[in-house]
């Protein structure tokens, strides 16, 4: 088990490392692209590793930076440390509703949320969460909202709302594994591949499959975003990144083995460890890499977040999604 914990701890630590390209180009321009070293960021990782972004950018130099969580990504977008990149919809929506300058250009993956329970927790279904505990990567994150809205439909609430289900927020995947092993937490709403990791390596039980989770098959787990300011100032660069994004998405659909090897190679370069092949393969079947952006699902998630008191005002996502440039490129 120490080996498992070491692998995950090193992987999560890698999230704070920057993987950057050259900072100069013959044109003098560059574009800074952010991503997470996660399975559902496959489009970003493949686009980076296979050169799809750079090929389409030409003389504009692509630089890449990875992030451990959505808050750090949004901070980087807000300060101009990155120009464009991949992030979960939750942090992007919360930033938008606070008046932040962010726009969704495309989806990158849908699904990828798994509800699992620790072996011996006594949880067989969502109805069994009464008096139990669960953890999520963030307070009000995508996965948190998906689980809590399903519990609310069953008459259950987290202790944050005065209910009987104890919620541990901002629990990193490494801590999920450690706390499952020590019996400190009963369940998790986990992003992939970490939900599958808990199942494959610790014998956790799948309580709700990815496609049965709230908005499971339509809600993007990852979106490609930029700021309206960058879009207005550099439309050609945005189009080039979108072309690379489309190529990367298509590549993952046609080359699963190569895609998973590429992702594991990136993880190895960052951590000197690899995820078990069975974890990657099974987790891959719990998400869909796609450009299909379901704006109504994003609005549905925001409405659920408001219903759960994660946000205080009724959300209006008008202007949050703009796939006009994507649609034009797909029609070429």
C-alpha atoms as a PDB file:
ATOM      1  CA  UNK A   1       0.000   0.000   0.000  1.00  0.00           C
ATOM      2  CA  UNK A   2       2.942   2.330   0.616  1.00  0.00           C
ATOM      3  CA  UNK A   3       3.801   1.916  -3.057  1.00  0.00           C
ATOM      4  CA  UNK A   4       0.260   2.954  -4.040  1.00  0.00           C
ATOM      5  CA  UNK A   5       0.306   5.991  -1.791  1.00  0.00           C
ATOM      6  CA  UNK A   6       3.741   6.980  -3.045  1.00  0.00           C
ATOM      7  CA  UNK A   7       2.553   6.803  -6.652  1.00  0.00           C
ATOM      8  CA  UNK A   8      -0.458   8.990  -6.029  1.00  0.00           C
ATOM      9  CA  UNK A   9       1.356  11.466  -3.814  1.00  0.00           C
ATOM     10  CA  UNK A  10       3.995  11.943  -6.448  1.00  0.00           C
ATOM     11  CA  UNK A  11       1.337  12.296  -9.140  1.00  0.00           C
ATOM     12  CA  UNK A  12      -0.529  14.975  -7.234  1.00  0.00           C
ATOM     13  CA  UNK A  13       2.725  16.771  -6.424  1.00  0.00           C
ATOM     14  CA  UNK A  14       3.378  16.883 -10.144  1.00  0.00           C
ATOM     15  CA  UNK A  15       0.370  19.136 -10.497  1.00  0.00           C
ATOM     16  CA  UNK A  16       2.402  22.041  -9.129  1.00  0.00           C
ATOM     17  CA  UNK A  17       5.178  21.534 -11.665  1.00  0.00           C
ATOM     18  CA  UNK A  18       5.184  23.559 -14.868  1.00  0.00           C
ATOM     19  CA  UNK A  19       5.791  21.746 -18.144  1.00  0.00           C
ATOM     20  CA  UNK A  20       6.686  24.571 -20.469  1.00  0.00           C
ATOM     21  CA  UNK A  21       7.965  24.829 -23.987  1.00  0.00           C
ATOM     22  CA  UNK A  22      10.358  27.383 -25.371  1.00  0.00           C
ATOM     23  CA  UNK A  23       9.588  30.972 -24.489  1.00  0.00           C
ATOM     24  CA  UNK A  24      10.589  32.437 -27.840  1.00  0.00           C
ATOM     25  CA  UNK A  25       9.563  32.137 -31.472  1.00  0.00           C
ATOM     26  CA  UNK A  26      10.495  33.643 -34.796  1.00  0.00           C
ATOM     27  CA  UNK A  27       7.312  35.725 -34.736  1.00  0.00           C
ATOM     28  CA  UNK A  28       7.933  36.926 -31.194  1.00  0.00           C
ATOM     29  CA  UNK A  29       4.494  35.667 -30.153  1.00  0.00           C
ATOM     30  CA  UNK A  30       3.578  32.853 -27.821  1.00  0.00           C
ATOM     31  CA  UNK A  31       0.452  31.366 -26.320  1.00  0.00           C
ATOM     32  CA  UNK A  32       0.365  29.873 -22.846  1.00  0.00           C
ATOM     33  CA  UNK A  33      -1.884  26.801 -22.592  1.00  0.00           C
ATOM     34  CA  UNK A  34      -2.980  25.330 -19.261  1.00  0.00           C
ATOM     35  CA  UNK A  35      -4.068  21.770 -18.489  1.00  0.00           C
ATOM     36  CA  UNK A  36      -4.264  19.234 -15.663  1.00  0.00           C
ATOM     37  CA  UNK A  37      -2.285  15.955 -15.727  1.00  0.00           C
ATOM     38  CA  UNK A  38      -5.591  14.043 -15.559  1.00  0.00           C
ATOM     39  CA  UNK A  39      -7.131  11.405 -17.789  1.00  0.00           C
ATOM     40  CA  UNK A  40     -10.070  13.563 -18.860  1.00  0.00           C
ATOM     41  CA  UNK A  41      -7.600  16.229 -20.020  1.00  0.00           C
ATOM     42  CA  UNK A  42      -6.596  13.776 -22.738  1.00  0.00           C
ATOM     43  CA  UNK A  43      -7.242  16.279 -25.538  1.00  0.00           C
ATOM     44  CA  UNK A  44      -4.866  18.791 -24.005  1.00  0.00           C
ATOM     45  CA  UNK A  45      -2.181  16.226 -23.223  1.00  0.00           C
ATOM     46  CA  UNK A  46      -2.381  14.554 -26.636  1.00  0.00           C
ATOM     47  CA  UNK A  47      -2.467  17.916 -28.397  1.00  0.00           C
ATOM     48  CA  UNK A  48       0.680  18.902 -26.541  1.00  0.00           C
ATOM     49  CA  UNK A  49       2.572  15.639 -26.926  1.00  0.00           C
ATOM     50  CA  UNK A  50       1.639  14.918 -30.538  1.00  0.00           C
ATOM     51  CA  UNK A  51       2.359  18.481 -31.628  1.00  0.00           C
ATOM     52  CA  UNK A  52      -1.162  19.240 -32.834  1.00  0.00           C
ATOM     53  CA  UNK A  53      -1.192  22.663 -31.167  1.00  0.00           C
ATOM     54  CA  UNK A  54       2.258  23.671 -32.342  1.00  0.00           C
ATOM     55  CA  UNK A  55       1.674  22.442 -35.878  1.00  0.00           C
ATOM     56  CA  UNK A  56      -1.407  24.631 -36.196  1.00  0.00           C
ATOM     57  CA  UNK A  57       0.162  27.618 -34.458  1.00  0.00           C
ATOM     58  CA  UNK A  58       3.106  27.758 -36.855  1.00  0.00           C
ATOM     59  CA  UNK A  59       5.498  30.508 -35.784  1.00  0.00           C
ATOM     60  CA  UNK A  60       3.514  31.238 -32.628  1.00  0.00           C
ATOM     61  CA  UNK A  61       5.185  29.285 -29.837  1.00  0.00           C
ATOM     62  CA  UNK A  62       3.019  27.094 -27.596  1.00  0.00           C
ATOM     63  CA  UNK A  63       3.954  27.007 -23.936  1.00  0.00           C
ATOM     64  CA  UNK A  64       2.305  24.557 -21.550  1.00  0.00           C
ATOM     65  CA  UNK A  65       1.666  24.694 -17.820  1.00  0.00           C
ATOM     66  CA  UNK A  66      -0.130  22.094 -15.703  1.00  0.00           C
ATOM     67  CA  UNK A  67      -2.198  22.773 -12.607  1.00  0.00           C
ATOM     68  CA  UNK A  68      -3.265  20.744  -9.541  1.00  0.00           C
ATOM     69  CA  UNK A  69      -6.771  22.235  -9.285  1.00  0.00           C
ATOM     70  CA  UNK A  70      -9.269  24.566 -10.891  1.00  0.00           C
ATOM     71  CA  UNK A  71      -8.728  27.428  -8.464  1.00  0.00           C
ATOM     72  CA  UNK A  72      -5.057  27.705  -9.403  1.00  0.00           C
ATOM     73  CA  UNK A  73      -5.948  27.518 -13.102  1.00  0.00           C
ATOM     74  CA  UNK A  74      -8.524  30.303 -12.779  1.00  0.00           C
ATOM     75  CA  UNK A  75      -6.055  32.452 -10.841  1.00  0.00           C
ATOM     76  CA  UNK A  76      -3.560  31.987 -13.683  1.00  0.00           C
ATOM     77  CA  UNK A  77      -6.170  32.916 -16.301  1.00  0.00           C
ATOM     78  CA  UNK A  78      -7.203  35.936 -14.262  1.00  0.00           C
ATOM     79  CA  UNK A  79      -3.634  37.233 -13.930  1.00  0.00           C
ATOM     80  CA  UNK A  80      -2.620  36.445 -17.520  1.00  0.00           C
ATOM     81  CA  UNK A  81      -0.177  33.717 -16.531  1.00  0.00           C
ATOM     82  CA  UNK A  82      -2.010  31.568 -19.107  1.00  0.00           C
ATOM     83  CA  UNK A  83      -4.055  32.560 -22.136  1.00  0.00           C
ATOM     84  CA  UNK A  84      -6.194  29.520 -22.822  1.00  0.00           C
ATOM     85  CA  UNK A  85      -6.586  25.990 -21.512  1.00  0.00           C
ATOM     86  CA  UNK A  86      -8.494  23.115 -20.001  1.00  0.00           C
ATOM     87  CA  UNK A  87     -10.371  23.226 -16.697  1.00  0.00           C
ATOM     88  CA  UNK A  88     -13.435  21.749 -15.027  1.00  0.00           C
ATOM     89  CA  UNK A  89     -16.704  23.634 -15.582  1.00  0.00           C
ATOM     90  CA  UNK A  90     -17.295  24.312 -11.877  1.00  0.00           C
ATOM     91  CA  UNK A  91     -14.376  26.714 -11.297  1.00  0.00           C
ATOM     92  CA  UNK A  92     -15.010  28.397 -14.644  1.00  0.00           C
ATOM     93  CA  UNK A  93     -18.722  28.914 -13.884  1.00  0.00           C
ATOM     94  CA  UNK A  94     -18.018  30.249 -10.401  1.00  0.00           C
ATOM     95  CA  UNK A  95     -15.459  32.683 -11.831  1.00  0.00           C
ATOM     96  CA  UNK A  96     -17.901  33.799 -14.541  1.00  0.00           C
ATOM     97  CA  UNK A  97     -20.672  34.411 -12.015  1.00  0.00           C
ATOM     98  CA  UNK A  98     -18.280  36.562  -9.960  1.00  0.00           C
ATOM     99  CA  UNK A  99     -17.816  38.767 -13.016  1.00  0.00           C
ATOM    100  CA  UNK A 100     -14.645  37.098 -14.253  1.00  0.00           C
ATOM    101  CA  UNK A 101     -13.621  37.238 -17.908  1.00  0.00           C
ATOM    102  CA  UNK A 102     -13.919  33.650 -19.144  1.00  0.00           C
ATOM    103  CA  UNK A 103     -15.647  31.997 -22.097  1.00  0.00           C
ATOM    104  CA  UNK A 104     -16.077  28.328 -22.982  1.00  0.00           C
ATOM    105  CA  UNK A 105     -14.905  27.575 -26.526  1.00  0.00           C
ATOM    106  CA  UNK A 106     -15.505  23.817 -26.535  1.00  0.00           C
ATOM    107  CA  UNK A 107     -15.999  20.783 -24.383  1.00  0.00           C
ATOM    108  CA  UNK A 108     -13.026  18.461 -23.998  1.00  0.00           C
ATOM    109  CA  UNK A 109     -14.554  15.522 -22.119  1.00  0.00           C
ATOM    110  CA  UNK A 110     -17.935  14.557 -20.708  1.00  0.00           C
ATOM    111  CA  UNK A 111     -18.603  12.275 -17.757  1.00  0.00           C
ATOM    112  CA  UNK A 112     -15.651  11.178 -15.605  1.00  0.00           C
ATOM    113  CA  UNK A 113     -17.373  11.429 -12.189  1.00  0.00           C
ATOM    114  CA  UNK A 114     -17.673   8.229 -10.177  1.00  0.00           C
ATOM    115  CA  UNK A 115     -19.404   7.787  -6.793  1.00  0.00           C
ATOM    116  CA  UNK A 116     -17.637   5.091  -4.795  1.00  0.00           C
ATOM    117  CA  UNK A 117     -17.873   3.754  -1.243  1.00  0.00           C
ATOM    118  CA  UNK A 118     -15.128   2.316   0.919  1.00  0.00           C
ATOM    119  CA  UNK A 119     -15.145  -1.418   1.427  1.00  0.00           C
ATOM    120  CA  UNK A 120     -16.804  -2.031   4.797  1.00  0.00           C
ATOM    121  CA  UNK A 121     -18.549   1.361   4.881  1.00  0.00           C
ATOM    122  CA  UNK A 122     -22.015  -0.182   4.801  1.00  0.00           C
ATOM    123  CA  UNK A 123     -22.949   1.877   1.769  1.00  0.00           C
ATOM    124  CA  UNK A 124     -24.626  -0.032  -1.037  1.00  0.00           C
ATOM    125  CA  UNK A 125     -26.661   2.794  -2.569  1.00  0.00           C
ATOM    126  CA  UNK A 126     -27.178   6.538  -2.226  1.00  0.00           C
ATOM    127  CA  UNK A 127     -29.960   5.904   0.304  1.00  0.00           C
ATOM    128  CA  UNK A 128     -27.298   4.533   2.664  1.00  0.00           C
ATOM    129  CA  UNK A 129     -25.460   7.875   2.938  1.00  0.00           C
ATOM    130  CA  UNK A 130     -27.567   8.893   5.974  1.00  0.00           C
ATOM    131  CA  UNK A 131     -25.114   9.212   8.874  1.00  0.00           C
ATOM    132  CA  UNK A 132     -22.120   8.506   6.646  1.00  0.00           C
ATOM    133  CA  UNK A 133     -19.320  10.696   5.304  1.00  0.00           C
ATOM    134  CA  UNK A 134     -18.046  11.546   1.862  1.00  0.00           C
ATOM    135  CA  UNK A 135     -15.255  13.606   0.338  1.00  0.00           C
ATOM    136  CA  UNK A 136     -14.785  15.663  -2.816  1.00  0.00           C
ATOM    137  CA  UNK A 137     -11.809  17.461  -4.377  1.00  0.00           C
ATOM    138  CA  UNK A 138     -13.356  20.869  -3.675  1.00  0.00           C
ATOM    139  CA  UNK A 139     -16.206  22.563  -1.863  1.00  0.00           C
ATOM    140  CA  UNK A 140     -18.869  23.149  -4.512  1.00  0.00           C
ATOM    141  CA  UNK A 141     -16.759  21.539  -7.217  1.00  0.00           C
ATOM    142  CA  UNK A 142     -18.336  19.770 -10.173  1.00  0.00           C
ATOM    143  CA  UNK A 143     -18.338  16.379  -8.460  1.00  0.00           C
ATOM    144  CA  UNK A 144     -19.555  17.780  -5.131  1.00  0.00           C
ATOM    145  CA  UNK A 145     -22.637  19.342  -6.717  1.00  0.00           C
ATOM    146  CA  UNK A 146     -23.396  16.198  -8.724  1.00  0.00           C
ATOM    147  CA  UNK A 147     -23.479  14.030  -5.595  1.00  0.00           C
ATOM    148  CA  UNK A 148     -25.229  16.456  -3.260  1.00  0.00           C
ATOM    149  CA  UNK A 149     -28.068  17.194  -5.684  1.00  0.00           C
ATOM    150  CA  UNK A 150     -28.740  13.443  -5.965  1.00  0.00           C
ATOM    151  CA  UNK A 151     -28.716  13.108  -2.183  1.00  0.00           C
ATOM    152  CA  UNK A 152     -31.097  16.050  -1.868  1.00  0.00           C
ATOM    153  CA  UNK A 153     -33.542  14.345  -4.210  1.00  0.00           C
ATOM    154  CA  UNK A 154     -33.565  11.466  -1.698  1.00  0.00           C
ATOM    155  CA  UNK A 155     -34.210  13.784   1.239  1.00  0.00           C
ATOM    156  CA  UNK A 156     -30.597  13.784   2.439  1.00  0.00           C
ATOM    157  CA  UNK A 157     -28.414  16.824   3.059  1.00  0.00           C
ATOM    158  CA  UNK A 158     -24.784  17.382   3.912  1.00  0.00           C
ATOM    159  CA  UNK A 159     -23.825  18.803   7.280  1.00  0.00           C
ATOM    160  CA  UNK A 160     -23.032  22.063   5.492  1.00  0.00           C
ATOM    161  CA  UNK A 161     -26.813  22.449   5.114  1.00  0.00           C
ATOM    162  CA  UNK A 162     -27.628  21.063   8.554  1.00  0.00           C
ATOM    163  CA  UNK A 163     -28.075  17.498   7.328  1.00  0.00           C
ATOM    164  CA  UNK A 164     -26.832  14.125   8.478  1.00  0.00           C
ATOM    165  CA  UNK A 165     -24.241  13.419   5.780  1.00  0.00           C
ATOM    166  CA  UNK A 166     -20.761  14.581   6.713  1.00  0.00           C
ATOM    167  CA  UNK A 167     -18.812  16.267   3.920  1.00  0.00           C
ATOM    168  CA  UNK A 168     -15.031  16.570   3.754  1.00  0.00           C
ATOM    169  CA  UNK A 169     -14.102  19.146   1.103  1.00  0.00           C
ATOM    170  CA  UNK A 170     -10.824  19.822  -0.713  1.00  0.00           C
ATOM    171  CA  UNK A 171      -9.613  16.247  -0.298  1.00  0.00           C
ATOM    172  CA  UNK A 172      -6.933  15.534  -2.903  1.00  0.00           C
ATOM    173  CA  UNK A 173      -6.876  12.099  -4.576  1.00  0.00           C
ATOM    174  CA  UNK A 174      -3.869  11.079  -2.495  1.00  0.00           C
ATOM    175  CA  UNK A 175      -5.789  11.891   0.679  1.00  0.00           C
ATOM    176  CA  UNK A 176      -8.870  10.042  -0.612  1.00  0.00           C
ATOM    177  CA  UNK A 177      -6.817   6.892  -0.902  1.00  0.00           C
ATOM    178  CA  UNK A 178      -5.173   7.320   2.488  1.00  0.00           C
ATOM    179  CA  UNK A 179      -8.463   8.094   4.234  1.00  0.00           C
ATOM    180  CA  UNK A 180     -10.226   5.172   2.555  1.00  0.00           C
ATOM    181  CA  UNK A 181      -7.429   2.882   3.691  1.00  0.00           C
ATOM    182  CA  UNK A 182      -7.655   4.140   7.282  1.00  0.00           C
ATOM    183  CA  UNK A 183     -11.468   4.028   7.304  1.00  0.00           C
ATOM    184  CA  UNK A 184     -11.772   7.754   7.996  1.00  0.00           C
ATOM    185  CA  UNK A 185     -14.167   8.509   5.115  1.00  0.00           C
ATOM    186  CA  UNK A 186     -16.989   6.326   3.830  1.00  0.00           C
ATOM    187  CA  UNK A 187     -17.424   7.516   0.250  1.00  0.00           C
ATOM    188  CA  UNK A 188     -16.144   9.844  -2.442  1.00  0.00           C
ATOM    189  CA  UNK A 189     -17.366  11.719  -5.476  1.00  0.00           C
ATOM    190  CA  UNK A 190     -14.165  11.255  -7.406  1.00  0.00           C
ATOM    191  CA  UNK A 191     -12.894  12.414 -10.785  1.00  0.00           C
ATOM    192  CA  UNK A 192     -11.423   9.850 -13.093  1.00  0.00           C
ATOM    193  CA  UNK A 193      -9.109   8.022 -13.012  1.00  0.00           C
ATOM    194  CA  UNK A 194      -9.166   8.308  -9.232  1.00  0.00           C
ATOM    195  CA  UNK A 195     -12.604   6.779  -8.731  1.00  0.00           C
ATOM    196  CA  UNK A 196     -11.517   3.750 -10.729  1.00  0.00           C
ATOM    197  CA  UNK A 197      -8.203   3.723  -8.841  1.00  0.00           C
ATOM    198  CA  UNK A 198     -10.106   3.386  -5.546  1.00  0.00           C
ATOM    199  CA  UNK A 199     -12.144   0.542  -7.034  1.00  0.00           C
ATOM    200  CA  UNK A 200      -9.257  -1.341  -8.639  1.00  0.00           C
ATOM    201  CA  UNK A 201      -6.611  -0.846  -5.970  1.00  0.00           C
ATOM    202  CA  UNK A 202      -8.608  -0.587  -2.718  1.00  0.00           C
ATOM    203  CA  UNK A 203     -11.697  -2.650  -3.494  1.00  0.00           C
ATOM    204  CA  UNK A 204     -14.119   0.279  -3.241  1.00  0.00           C
ATOM    205  CA  UNK A 205     -17.685  -0.296  -4.397  1.00  0.00           C
ATOM    206  CA  UNK A 206     -19.188   1.658  -7.275  1.00  0.00           C
ATOM    207  CA  UNK A 207     -22.333   3.294  -5.874  1.00  0.00           C
ATOM    208  CA  UNK A 208     -23.237   5.329  -8.959  1.00  0.00           C
ATOM    209  CA  UNK A 209     -21.653   4.857 -12.369  1.00  0.00           C
ATOM    210  CA  UNK A 210     -20.500   7.870 -14.335  1.00  0.00           C
ATOM    211  CA  UNK A 211     -23.456   7.787 -16.734  1.00  0.00           C
ATOM    212  CA  UNK A 212     -25.982   7.596 -13.878  1.00  0.00           C
ATOM    213  CA  UNK A 213     -24.558  10.565 -11.985  1.00  0.00           C
ATOM    214  CA  UNK A 214     -26.513  13.846 -12.237  1.00  0.00           C
ATOM    215  CA  UNK A 215     -26.067  15.082 -15.844  1.00  0.00           C
ATOM    216  CA  UNK A 216     -23.468  12.344 -16.152  1.00  0.00           C
ATOM    217  CA  UNK A 217     -23.278  11.810 -19.905  1.00  0.00           C
ATOM    218  CA  UNK A 218     -23.861  15.445 -20.933  1.00  0.00           C
ATOM    219  CA  UNK A 219     -22.060  17.511 -18.315  1.00  0.00           C
ATOM    220  CA  UNK A 220     -18.538  18.339 -19.462  1.00  0.00           C
ATOM    221  CA  UNK A 221     -15.907  17.330 -16.944  1.00  0.00           C
ATOM    222  CA  UNK A 222     -13.404  19.476 -18.843  1.00  0.00           C
ATOM    223  CA  UNK A 223     -13.924  22.547 -21.024  1.00  0.00           C
ATOM    224  CA  UNK A 224     -11.540  24.574 -23.156  1.00  0.00           C
ATOM    225  CA  UNK A 225     -11.688  28.207 -22.061  1.00  0.00           C
ATOM    226  CA  UNK A 226     -10.060  31.549 -22.689  1.00  0.00           C
ATOM    227  CA  UNK A 227     -10.845  35.150 -21.830  1.00  0.00           C
ATOM    228  CA  UNK A 228     -12.969  37.347 -24.075  1.00  0.00           C
ATOM    229  CA  UNK A 229     -10.106  39.824 -24.074  1.00  0.00           C
ATOM    230  CA  UNK A 230      -7.676  37.257 -25.476  1.00  0.00           C
ATOM    231  CA  UNK A 231     -10.275  36.039 -27.985  1.00  0.00           C
ATOM    232  CA  UNK A 232     -10.849  39.553 -29.272  1.00  0.00           C
ATOM    233  CA  UNK A 233      -7.146  40.406 -29.464  1.00  0.00           C
ATOM    234  CA  UNK A 234      -5.895  37.092 -30.886  1.00  0.00           C
ATOM    235  CA  UNK A 235      -8.694  35.345 -32.829  1.00  0.00           C
ATOM    236  CA  UNK A 236      -6.208  33.649 -35.187  1.00  0.00           C
ATOM    237  CA  UNK A 237      -4.313  32.112 -32.264  1.00  0.00           C
ATOM    238  CA  UNK A 238      -7.559  30.903 -30.712  1.00  0.00           C
ATOM    239  CA  UNK A 239      -8.553  29.309 -34.026  1.00  0.00           C
ATOM    240  CA  UNK A 240      -5.175  27.577 -34.234  1.00  0.00           C
ATOM    241  CA  UNK A 241      -5.534  26.175 -30.732  1.00  0.00           C
ATOM    242  CA  UNK A 242      -9.068  25.034 -31.564  1.00  0.00           C
ATOM    243  CA  UNK A 243      -7.790  23.260 -34.688  1.00  0.00           C
ATOM    244  CA  UNK A 244      -5.212  21.458 -32.569  1.00  0.00           C
ATOM    245  CA  UNK A 245      -7.921  20.649 -30.037  1.00  0.00           C
ATOM    246  CA  UNK A 246     -10.156  19.128 -32.729  1.00  0.00           C
ATOM    247  CA  UNK A 247      -7.267  17.048 -34.078  1.00  0.00           C
ATOM    248  CA  UNK A 248      -6.420  15.833 -30.575  1.00  0.00           C
ATOM    249  CA  UNK A 249     -10.033  14.847 -29.824  1.00  0.00           C
ATOM    250  CA  UNK A 250     -10.249  12.922 -33.097  1.00  0.00           C
ATOM    251  CA  UNK A 251      -6.929  11.214 -32.394  1.00  0.00           C
ATOM    252  CA  UNK A 252      -8.081   9.964 -28.990  1.00  0.00           C
ATOM    253  CA  UNK A 253     -11.200   8.456 -30.533  1.00  0.00           C
ATOM    254  CA  UNK A 254      -9.221   6.488 -33.107  1.00  0.00           C
ATOM    255  CA  UNK A 255      -6.119   5.619 -31.085  1.00  0.00           C
ATOM    256  CA  UNK A 256      -7.079   4.577 -27.569  1.00  0.00           C
ATOM    257  CA  UNK A 257      -3.944   2.545 -26.799  1.00  0.00           C
ATOM    258  CA  UNK A 258      -1.644   5.294 -28.042  1.00  0.00           C
ATOM    259  CA  UNK A 259      -3.626   7.897 -26.114  1.00  0.00           C
ATOM    260  CA  UNK A 260      -3.406   6.007 -22.812  1.00  0.00           C
ATOM    261  CA  UNK A 261       0.301   5.339 -23.336  1.00  0.00           C
ATOM    262  CA  UNK A 262       0.875   9.022 -24.064  1.00  0.00           C
ATOM    263  CA  UNK A 263      -0.948  10.070 -20.909  1.00  0.00           C
ATOM    264  CA  UNK A 264       0.903   7.557 -18.769  1.00  0.00           C
ATOM    265  CA  UNK A 265       4.213   8.697 -20.281  1.00  0.00           C
ATOM    266  CA  UNK A 266       3.417  12.279 -19.287  1.00  0.00           C
ATOM    267  CA  UNK A 267       2.606  11.113 -15.763  1.00  0.00           C
ATOM    268  CA  UNK A 268       5.864   9.199 -15.649  1.00  0.00           C
ATOM    269  CA  UNK A 269       7.858  12.210 -16.810  1.00  0.00           C
ATOM    270  CA  UNK A 270       6.289  14.256 -14.011  1.00  0.00           C
ATOM    271  CA  UNK A 271       6.390  11.667 -11.216  1.00  0.00           C
ATOM    272  CA  UNK A 272       8.631   8.760 -12.259  1.00  0.00           C
ATOM    273  CA  UNK A 273       5.604   6.510 -11.697  1.00  0.00           C
ATOM    274  CA  UNK A 274       2.848   5.134 -13.912  1.00  0.00           C
ATOM    275  CA  UNK A 275      -0.786   4.419 -13.209  1.00  0.00           C
ATOM    276  CA  UNK A 276      -1.748   0.731 -13.506  1.00  0.00           C
ATOM    277  CA  UNK A 277      -2.930  -0.073 -17.024  1.00  0.00           C
ATOM    278  CA  UNK A 278      -6.164  -1.605 -15.728  1.00  0.00           C
ATOM    279  CA  UNK A 279      -7.011   1.672 -13.964  1.00  0.00           C
ATOM    280  CA  UNK A 280      -6.448   3.724 -17.104  1.00  0.00           C
ATOM    281  CA  UNK A 281      -8.354   1.320 -19.342  1.00  0.00           C
ATOM    282  CA  UNK A 282     -11.387   1.029 -17.061  1.00  0.00           C
ATOM    283  CA  UNK A 283     -11.437   4.747 -16.284  1.00  0.00           C
ATOM    284  CA  UNK A 284     -11.287   5.526 -20.008  1.00  0.00           C
ATOM    285  CA  UNK A 285     -14.617   3.764 -20.428  1.00  0.00           C
ATOM    286  CA  UNK A 286     -16.150   6.162 -17.888  1.00  0.00           C
ATOM    287  CA  UNK A 287     -15.720   9.308 -19.945  1.00  0.00           C
ATOM    288  CA  UNK A 288     -16.178  10.577 -23.484  1.00  0.00           C
ATOM    289  CA  UNK A 289     -13.565  12.805 -25.104  1.00  0.00           C
ATOM    290  CA  UNK A 290     -15.564  15.170 -27.297  1.00  0.00           C
ATOM    291  CA  UNK A 291     -16.040  18.708 -28.568  1.00  0.00           C
ATOM    292  CA  UNK A 292     -19.813  18.450 -27.987  1.00  0.00           C
ATOM    293  CA  UNK A 293     -20.633  21.269 -25.581  1.00  0.00           C
ATOM    294  CA  UNK A 294     -23.986  20.935 -23.855  1.00  0.00           C
ATOM    295  CA  UNK A 295     -24.708  24.482 -22.676  1.00  0.00           C
ATOM    296  CA  UNK A 296     -27.972  23.316 -21.122  1.00  0.00           C
ATOM    297  CA  UNK A 297     -26.106  20.832 -18.947  1.00  0.00           C
ATOM    298  CA  UNK A 298     -23.776  23.574 -17.729  1.00  0.00           C
ATOM    299  CA  UNK A 299     -26.812  25.704 -16.867  1.00  0.00           C
ATOM    300  CA  UNK A 300     -28.379  22.697 -15.138  1.00  0.00           C
ATOM    301  CA  UNK A 301     -25.257  22.245 -13.022  1.00  0.00           C
ATOM    302  CA  UNK A 302     -25.254  25.946 -12.115  1.00  0.00           C
ATOM    303  CA  UNK A 303     -28.949  25.757 -11.154  1.00  0.00           C
ATOM    304  CA  UNK A 304     -28.185  22.767  -8.914  1.00  0.00           C
ATOM    305  CA  UNK A 305     -25.296  24.662  -7.350  1.00  0.00           C
ATOM    306  CA  UNK A 306     -27.691  27.511  -6.552  1.00  0.00           C
ATOM    307  CA  UNK A 307     -30.263  25.072  -5.164  1.00  0.00           C
ATOM    308  CA  UNK A 308     -27.563  23.699  -2.853  1.00  0.00           C
ATOM    309  CA  UNK A 309     -26.541  27.193  -1.682  1.00  0.00           C
ATOM    310  CA  UNK A 310     -23.070  26.975  -3.166  1.00  0.00           C
ATOM    311  CA  UNK A 311     -23.863  30.169  -5.041  1.00  0.00           C
ATOM    312  CA  UNK A 312     -26.098  32.877  -3.620  1.00  0.00           C
ATOM    313  CA  UNK A 313     -27.802  34.350  -6.671  1.00  0.00           C
ATOM    314  CA  UNK A 314     -29.816  32.596  -9.335  1.00  0.00           C
ATOM    315  CA  UNK A 315     -27.285  31.866 -12.074  1.00  0.00           C
ATOM    316  CA  UNK A 316     -27.506  33.249 -15.597  1.00  0.00           C
ATOM    317  CA  UNK A 317     -24.843  31.765 -17.888  1.00  0.00           C
ATOM    318  CA  UNK A 318     -25.699  33.926 -20.893  1.00  0.00           C
ATOM    319  CA  UNK A 319     -22.424  34.590 -22.686  1.00  0.00           C
ATOM    320  CA  UNK A 320     -20.533  31.868 -20.835  1.00  0.00           C
ATOM    321  CA  UNK A 321     -20.483  29.457 -23.806  1.00  0.00           C
ATOM    322  CA  UNK A 322     -19.444  30.601 -27.272  1.00  0.00           C
ATOM    323  CA  UNK A 323     -18.824  27.766 -29.727  1.00  0.00           C
ATOM    324  CA  UNK A 324     -19.181  29.871 -32.879  1.00  0.00           C
ATOM    325  CA  UNK A 325     -15.506  29.558 -33.799  1.00  0.00           C
ATOM    326  CA  UNK A 326     -15.503  25.835 -33.024  1.00  0.00           C
ATOM    327  CA  UNK A 327     -18.617  25.279 -35.118  1.00  0.00           C
ATOM    328  CA  UNK A 328     -17.110  27.176 -38.042  1.00  0.00           C
ATOM    329  CA  UNK A 329     -13.942  25.097 -37.905  1.00  0.00           C
ATOM    330  CA  UNK A 330     -15.875  21.832 -37.655  1.00  0.00           C
ATOM    331  CA  UNK A 331     -17.884  22.865 -40.722  1.00  0.00           C
ATOM    332  CA  UNK A 332     -14.762  23.427 -42.841  1.00  0.00           C
END
